[in-house]
Amino acid sequence: MTKLNIVSLKMIRWSGWLLLPLVMLFLLTGYIMDGRHGFGKLLDEKSALTFHRMLHLPLIVLVVAHIVPAVYLAMQRWGWIKHRKEQ
């Protein structure tokens, strides 16, 4: 396994673990803003909207950091990209 593949795997794992709570917070703030299922009691709508908007950039960065190496490794697996030789 090449160093690039190892780094890609580690990036996928780390970004995946960071994405889990971030996506849950993103969904939670969305439900708080909407007031569904009693979540509106946790926080006021304006604060939830502010927090929700703050989560956009980290969410985009982590999704890209998670997807790019995953697609690279998948394309290697499928044979669309040739495996690099170890040096």
Protein backbone atom coordinates (compact mmCIF):
# COMPACT_ATOMS: atom_id res chain seq x y z
CA MET A 1 0.00 0.00 0.00
CA THR A 2 1.46 3.37 -0.97
CA LYS A 3 1.83 6.34 1.34
CA LEU A 4 -0.85 8.21 -0.61
CA ASN A 5 -3.31 5.37 -0.04
CA ILE A 6 -2.51 5.27 3.67
CA VAL A 7 -2.94 9.04 4.00
CA SER A 8 -6.20 8.81 2.04
CA LEU A 9 -7.56 6.11 4.34
CA LYS A 10 -6.63 8.09 7.44
CA MET A 11 -8.24 11.22 6.01
CA ILE A 12 -11.43 9.31 5.25
CA ARG A 13 -11.57 7.91 8.78
CA TRP A 14 -10.81 11.19 10.57
CA SER A 15 -13.17 13.25 8.47
CA GLY A 16 -15.88 10.63 8.89
CA TRP A 17 -15.66 10.75 12.67
CA LEU A 18 -15.70 14.55 12.61
CA LEU A 19 -18.66 14.57 10.23
CA LEU A 20 -20.87 12.49 12.53
CA PRO A 21 -21.38 15.08 15.30
CA LEU A 22 -21.31 17.95 12.81
CA VAL A 23 -24.15 16.50 10.73
CA MET A 24 -26.12 15.74 13.90
CA LEU A 25 -25.69 19.37 15.05
CA PHE A 26 -26.65 20.62 11.60
CA LEU A 27 -29.85 18.57 11.64
CA LEU A 28 -30.60 19.50 15.25
CA THR A 29 -30.30 23.23 14.59
CA GLY A 30 -32.52 22.81 11.54
CA TYR A 31 -35.21 21.10 13.62
CA ILE A 32 -34.86 23.77 16.32
CA MET A 33 -35.43 26.50 13.73
CA ASP A 34 -38.47 24.65 12.40
CA GLY A 35 -39.83 23.90 15.86
CA ARG A 36 -40.71 20.31 15.01
CA HIS A 37 -40.83 17.46 17.49
CA GLY A 38 -40.38 19.79 20.48
CA PHE A 39 -36.81 20.76 19.61
CA GLY A 40 -37.81 24.44 19.56
CA LYS A 41 -37.64 24.41 23.35
CA LEU A 42 -33.89 23.78 23.35
CA LEU A 43 -32.86 27.11 21.80
CA ASP A 44 -34.51 30.18 20.37
CA GLU A 45 -34.93 30.39 16.60
CA LYS A 46 -32.48 33.25 16.04
CA SER A 47 -29.66 31.55 17.95
CA ALA A 48 -30.32 28.27 16.15
CA LEU A 49 -30.21 30.05 12.78
CA THR A 50 -26.90 31.73 13.67
CA PHE A 51 -25.39 28.44 14.82
CA HIS A 52 -26.79 26.62 11.77
CA ARG A 53 -25.18 29.14 9.43
CA MET A 54 -21.83 28.77 11.21
CA LEU A 55 -21.86 25.05 10.47
CA HIS A 56 -22.02 25.42 6.68
CA LEU A 57 -18.31 26.02 6.03
CA PRO A 58 -16.98 23.24 8.31
CA LEU A 59 -19.54 20.88 6.81
CA ILE A 60 -18.47 21.66 3.25
CA VAL A 61 -14.76 21.37 4.10
CA LEU A 62 -15.20 18.02 5.85
CA VAL A 63 -17.43 16.59 3.13
CA VAL A 64 -14.85 17.48 0.48
CA ALA A 65 -12.03 16.11 2.66
CA HIS A 66 -14.03 12.90 3.04
CA ILE A 67 -15.20 12.45 -0.54
CA VAL A 68 -12.09 13.28 -2.58
CA PRO A 69 -9.84 10.56 -1.10
CA ALA A 70 -12.75 8.09 -1.06
CA VAL A 71 -13.39 8.65 -4.77
CA TYR A 72 -9.65 8.36 -5.49
CA LEU A 73 -9.42 5.00 -3.73
CA ALA A 74 -12.64 3.78 -5.35
CA MET A 75 -11.33 4.69 -8.80
CA GLN A 76 -8.15 2.75 -8.03
CA ARG A 77 -10.21 -0.24 -6.92
CA TRP A 78 -12.32 -0.14 -10.07
CA GLY A 79 -9.22 0.07 -12.25
CA TRP A 80 -9.89 3.56 -13.61
CA ILE A 81 -6.63 4.78 -12.01
CA LYS A 82 -3.53 2.60 -12.01
CA HIS A 83 -1.99 1.74 -8.68
CA ARG A 84 1.21 3.60 -7.92
CA LYS A 85 4.30 1.57 -7.22
CA GLU A 86 5.85 1.83 -3.77
CA GLN A 87 9.17 3.59 -3.62
